[in-house]
Amino acid sequence: MNRKRLVLLAVVAYAFFLLWYAPAQLVFGFLGKGVTTPAGLLQCRNLEGNWREGVARDGQLGRVQLKEIRWTLRPWSLLTGSLSASISAQTGYGSFMARLNRGIRSLSLRELEADIDIASLSPLMKATGIQLDGKVLGSMSDFTVRQGRITAAQGQWVWHDASVTSPRQNQLGTITIDLTTSSNETRAIIGDKGGPLQLDGLVVLAGDGRYSLTARMGARQSELDELISSLAFLGTKGDDGLLHLSLNGDLPPLRP
């Protein structure tokens, strides 16, 4: 091998070394300005580590403040035109972790685990005048959005010690949502664990974005009678004494 080839090989090896260990602040500097996600604008600040494995000490997703946003990228996935990584983040109210795979027109979250104090979402509910409390635990083996449509959702979300704190304090109990997808259709089964609020329902989301909701709710304790009455405009009272709800519509495409 002649000298020119040796020099070229050395330059390529050095360039690869620099790229492989490039600091996160240099490669992901644009994250400070924000990246659009289905949950809102993601901003990351105070980046440490390298582009393959590192941490952003603080950031923001939509209106929710984040800290300790950690990632481990799988660089070889870039050769297939996708981005694969393990990510985790914390807020002052909980934590989140998942395996992420981002394609050109798709976004998948697998092995998702979330532990969130729902009070952290209060900025999102501010305009409605409704404030909620309790802890939400989520566990999903798969959540996939492809070309703006949900194509897979497998898992469960549980709202423990659920309550409405404004405009009036009301304890609801524990509410569960079980998600499954089959035959190009996602179903969400809603239920309760025998607390003050009696609730059971079903949401069906078709592959083209059409959805339907059927649900029944009632009060097992008289303290909730006023709350149920305030929602009467959403449905009709059945012979079983419960409020029956029925909604249909179209879900706009998500931005993966």
Protein backbone atom coordinates (compact mmCIF):
# COMPACT_ATOMS: atom_id res chain seq x y z
CA MET A 1 0.00 0.00 0.00
CA ASN A 2 1.50 3.31 -1.05
CA ARG A 3 1.85 6.38 1.10
CA LYS A 4 -1.18 8.20 -0.40
CA ARG A 5 -3.50 5.34 0.45
CA LEU A 6 -2.12 5.14 3.96
CA VAL A 7 -2.67 8.87 4.46
CA LEU A 8 -6.22 8.60 3.06
CA LEU A 9 -6.98 5.66 5.33
CA ALA A 10 -5.61 7.56 8.33
CA VAL A 11 -7.73 10.63 7.49
CA VAL A 12 -10.88 8.51 7.11
CA ALA A 13 -10.18 6.68 10.38
CA TYR A 14 -9.57 9.97 12.20
CA ALA A 15 -12.75 11.50 10.76
CA PHE A 16 -14.74 8.42 11.84
CA PHE A 17 -13.20 8.67 15.34
CA LEU A 18 -14.22 12.34 15.60
CA LEU A 19 -17.74 11.58 14.39
CA TRP A 20 -18.16 8.56 16.68
CA TYR A 21 -17.25 10.56 19.76
CA ALA A 22 -18.76 13.88 18.68
CA PRO A 23 -20.21 15.77 21.69
CA ALA A 24 -24.00 15.82 22.01
CA GLN A 25 -23.94 19.62 22.32
CA LEU A 26 -22.33 19.88 18.88
CA VAL A 27 -24.50 17.32 17.07
CA PHE A 28 -27.84 18.09 18.75
CA GLY A 29 -27.45 21.82 19.21
CA PHE A 30 -30.62 22.37 17.20
CA LEU A 31 -32.68 20.68 19.96
CA GLY A 32 -32.52 23.89 21.95
CA LYS A 33 -34.80 25.48 19.35
CA GLY A 34 -37.19 22.56 19.51
CA VAL A 35 -38.36 19.56 17.49
CA THR A 36 -42.03 18.94 16.73
CA THR A 37 -43.48 15.71 18.22
CA PRO A 38 -47.06 14.36 18.54
CA ALA A 39 -47.04 15.56 22.19
CA GLY A 40 -45.83 19.08 21.36
CA LEU A 41 -42.55 20.93 20.84
CA LEU A 42 -39.57 19.14 22.42
CA GLN A 43 -36.70 21.32 23.64
CA CYS A 44 -33.49 20.07 25.28
CA ARG A 45 -30.86 22.14 27.07
CA ASN A 46 -27.56 21.56 28.90
CA LEU A 47 -26.56 18.53 26.85
CA GLU A 48 -23.78 16.23 28.07
CA GLY A 49 -22.15 13.11 26.69
CA ASN A 50 -21.90 12.23 23.01
CA TRP A 51 -24.50 11.86 20.29
CA ARG A 52 -24.79 8.10 20.87
CA GLU A 53 -25.26 8.20 24.62
CA GLY A 54 -25.90 11.26 26.72
CA VAL A 55 -28.23 13.36 28.82
CA ALA A 56 -30.00 16.71 28.63
CA ARG A 57 -30.17 18.09 32.16
CA ASP A 58 -33.38 20.00 31.48
CA GLY A 59 -35.89 20.56 28.72
CA GLN A 60 -39.56 20.92 27.88
CA LEU A 61 -42.23 18.95 26.00
CA GLY A 62 -45.14 21.18 25.13
CA ARG A 63 -45.95 22.86 28.44
CA VAL A 64 -44.46 20.11 30.61
CA GLN A 65 -41.02 20.74 32.13
CA LEU A 66 -38.55 17.84 31.80
CA LYS A 67 -35.22 16.98 33.38
CA GLU A 68 -32.62 14.24 33.05
CA ILE A 69 -33.58 13.33 29.47
CA ARG A 70 -31.32 10.35 28.74
CA TRP A 71 -30.79 8.51 25.47
CA THR A 72 -28.84 5.61 24.04
CA LEU A 73 -28.87 5.53 20.23
CA ARG A 74 -28.35 2.49 18.03
CA PRO A 75 -26.18 4.06 15.31
CA TRP A 76 -26.46 1.19 12.84
CA SER A 77 -30.23 1.75 12.54
CA LEU A 78 -29.39 4.92 10.61
CA LEU A 79 -28.21 2.71 7.73
CA THR A 80 -31.82 1.55 7.25
CA GLY A 81 -33.20 5.09 7.20
CA SER A 82 -34.56 4.98 10.76
CA LEU A 83 -33.54 6.20 14.21
CA SER A 84 -33.63 3.70 17.06
CA ALA A 85 -32.95 4.64 20.68
CA SER A 86 -33.74 3.96 24.31
CA ILE A 87 -34.95 7.11 26.04
CA SER A 88 -36.02 8.16 29.52
CA ALA A 89 -37.02 11.41 31.15
CA GLN A 90 -38.20 12.73 34.48
CA THR A 91 -40.39 15.58 35.56
CA GLY A 92 -41.08 16.95 38.99
CA TYR A 93 -44.13 14.68 38.94
CA GLY A 94 -42.98 11.36 37.50
CA SER A 95 -40.91 9.47 34.95
CA PHE A 96 -41.05 7.95 31.46
CA MET A 97 -38.96 5.40 29.58
CA ALA A 98 -39.33 3.57 26.26
CA ARG A 99 -37.59 2.18 23.19
CA LEU A 100 -38.17 4.53 20.29
CA ASN A 101 -37.97 3.85 16.59
CA ARG A 102 -38.42 6.82 14.25
CA GLY A 103 -38.87 6.19 10.54
CA ILE A 104 -39.56 8.63 7.74
CA ARG A 105 -43.32 8.38 8.22
CA SER A 106 -43.63 6.37 11.41
CA LEU A 107 -42.99 6.51 15.13
CA SER A 108 -42.99 3.47 17.44
CA LEU A 109 -42.68 3.33 21.22
CA ARG A 110 -42.08 -0.10 22.74
CA GLU A 111 -41.53 -1.31 26.32
CA LEU A 112 -43.04 1.97 27.47
CA GLU A 113 -43.31 2.57 31.22
CA ALA A 114 -44.71 5.78 32.66
CA ASP A 115 -45.32 7.00 36.22
CA ILE A 116 -46.96 10.41 36.18
CA ASP A 117 -48.69 12.58 38.76
CA ILE A 118 -51.61 13.83 36.69
CA ALA A 119 -51.38 17.22 38.39
CA SER A 120 -48.39 17.80 36.10
CA LEU A 121 -50.85 18.07 33.20
CA SER A 122 -52.70 20.96 34.85
CA PRO A 123 -51.22 23.55 32.43
CA LEU A 124 -52.89 21.65 29.57
CA MET A 125 -56.26 21.74 31.37
CA LYS A 126 -56.07 25.34 32.50
CA ALA A 127 -58.35 26.69 29.76
CA THR A 128 -61.14 24.24 30.74
CA GLY A 129 -61.23 25.31 34.39
CA ILE A 130 -60.94 21.63 35.39
CA GLN A 131 -58.08 20.43 37.56
CA LEU A 132 -57.32 16.75 38.16
CA ASP A 133 -55.25 14.81 40.67
CA GLY A 134 -53.98 11.28 41.21
CA LYS A 135 -51.21 9.10 39.80
CA VAL A 136 -51.21 7.54 36.35
CA LEU A 137 -49.21 4.36 35.69
CA GLY A 138 -48.80 3.26 32.09
CA SER A 139 -47.31 0.12 30.61
CA MET A 140 -47.38 -0.51 26.86
CA SER A 141 -45.62 -3.15 24.80
CA ASP A 142 -46.28 -1.22 21.59
CA PHE A 143 -47.62 2.12 20.40
CA THR A 144 -47.09 2.85 16.71
CA VAL A 145 -48.14 5.77 14.51
CA ARG A 146 -47.66 5.28 10.77
CA GLN A 147 -48.53 7.98 8.21
CA GLY A 148 -50.44 9.85 10.88
CA ARG A 149 -52.61 6.92 11.98
CA ILE A 150 -52.39 4.70 15.06
CA THR A 151 -51.63 1.21 13.77
CA ALA A 152 -50.75 -0.52 17.05
CA ALA A 153 -51.58 0.08 20.71
CA GLN A 154 -51.08 -2.68 23.27
CA GLY A 155 -51.03 -1.98 26.98
CA GLN A 156 -52.77 -0.54 30.00
CA TRP A 157 -53.11 2.81 31.77
CA VAL A 158 -54.32 3.03 35.37
CA TRP A 159 -55.38 6.26 37.08
CA HIS A 160 -54.98 5.66 40.81
CA ASP A 161 -56.70 7.88 43.43
CA ALA A 162 -58.41 9.73 40.60
CA SER A 163 -60.06 12.97 41.59
CA VAL A 164 -61.37 16.25 40.25
CA THR A 165 -60.04 19.09 42.40
CA SER A 166 -61.58 22.07 40.60
CA PRO A 167 -64.14 23.56 40.32
CA ARG A 168 -65.16 21.18 43.14
CA GLN A 169 -63.37 18.37 44.97
CA ASN A 170 -64.63 14.92 43.94
CA GLN A 171 -62.98 11.55 44.59
CA LEU A 172 -63.46 9.12 41.68
CA GLY A 173 -61.54 6.01 42.69
CA THR A 174 -59.37 4.02 40.27
CA ILE A 175 -59.95 4.14 36.50
CA THR A 176 -58.39 1.74 33.99
CA ILE A 177 -57.93 1.82 30.21
CA ASP A 178 -56.89 -1.36 28.41
CA LEU A 179 -55.67 -0.96 24.81
CA THR A 180 -55.54 -3.63 22.11
CA THR A 181 -55.18 -3.57 18.32
CA SER A 182 -56.34 -6.21 15.84
CA SER A 183 -57.73 -6.26 12.30
CA ASN A 184 -56.78 -2.63 11.67
CA GLU A 185 -58.84 -1.51 14.66
CA THR A 186 -57.74 -0.20 18.08
CA ARG A 187 -59.99 -0.73 21.08
CA ALA A 188 -59.81 0.98 24.46
CA ILE A 189 -61.83 -0.66 27.24
CA ILE A 190 -62.56 1.76 30.08
CA GLY A 191 -63.52 0.61 33.56
CA ASP A 192 -63.35 1.28 37.29
CA LYS A 193 -62.26 -0.68 40.35
CA GLY A 194 -65.41 -0.24 42.42
CA GLY A 195 -64.76 3.29 43.70
CA PRO A 196 -67.15 6.26 44.02
CA LEU A 197 -67.48 6.56 40.22
CA GLN A 198 -69.13 3.75 38.26
CA LEU A 199 -67.71 3.78 34.74
CA ASP A 200 -67.51 1.38 31.84
CA GLY A 201 -67.03 2.17 28.18
CA LEU A 202 -65.49 1.28 24.87
CA VAL A 203 -63.63 3.41 22.34
CA VAL A 204 -63.13 1.94 18.86
CA LEU A 205 -60.66 3.63 16.50
CA ALA A 206 -60.61 2.48 12.88
CA GLY A 207 -57.54 2.60 10.68
CA ASP A 208 -58.92 5.56 8.71
CA GLY A 209 -59.30 7.70 11.86
CA ARG A 210 -63.01 7.18 12.48
CA TYR A 211 -63.84 6.60 16.15
CA SER A 212 -66.85 5.73 18.30
CA LEU A 213 -67.31 6.00 22.04
CA THR A 214 -70.00 4.30 24.11
CA ALA A 215 -69.94 4.58 27.88
CA ARG A 216 -72.04 4.48 31.03
CA MET A 217 -71.35 6.35 34.23
CA GLY A 218 -73.00 6.81 37.55
CA ALA A 219 -72.35 7.60 41.20
CA ARG A 220 -71.92 4.95 43.87
CA GLN A 221 -71.72 7.71 46.46
CA SER A 222 -74.08 10.66 46.72
CA GLU A 223 -71.15 13.10 46.75
CA LEU A 224 -70.79 12.54 43.00
CA ASP A 225 -74.44 13.16 42.10
CA GLU A 226 -73.80 16.81 41.30
CA LEU A 227 -70.82 15.96 39.07
CA ILE A 228 -72.82 13.37 37.10
CA SER A 229 -75.72 15.80 36.75
CA SER A 230 -73.40 18.47 35.33
CA LEU A 231 -72.46 16.02 32.54
CA ALA A 232 -76.07 15.18 31.63
CA PHE A 233 -75.88 17.28 28.47
CA LEU A 234 -73.36 14.78 27.06
CA GLY A 235 -75.83 11.88 27.00
CA THR A 236 -79.13 10.46 28.22
CA LYS A 237 -80.19 8.75 31.44
CA GLY A 238 -80.99 5.07 30.97
CA ASP A 239 -83.44 2.79 32.74
CA ASP A 240 -80.52 1.55 34.83
CA GLY A 241 -80.14 5.05 36.31
CA LEU A 242 -76.77 5.58 34.62
CA LEU A 243 -75.76 8.31 32.23
CA HIS A 244 -75.27 6.82 28.75
CA LEU A 245 -72.81 8.53 26.42
CA SER A 246 -72.35 8.00 22.70
CA LEU A 247 -69.94 9.92 20.48
CA ASN A 248 -68.70 9.47 16.91
CA GLY A 249 -66.22 11.41 14.84
CA ASP A 250 -62.95 11.51 12.94
CA LEU A 251 -59.54 11.78 14.56
CA PRO A 252 -57.24 14.05 12.53
CA PRO A 253 -53.91 12.54 11.44
CA LEU A 254 -51.21 12.69 14.10
CA ARG A 255 -47.79 14.15 13.38
CA PRO A 256 -45.36 11.32 14.18
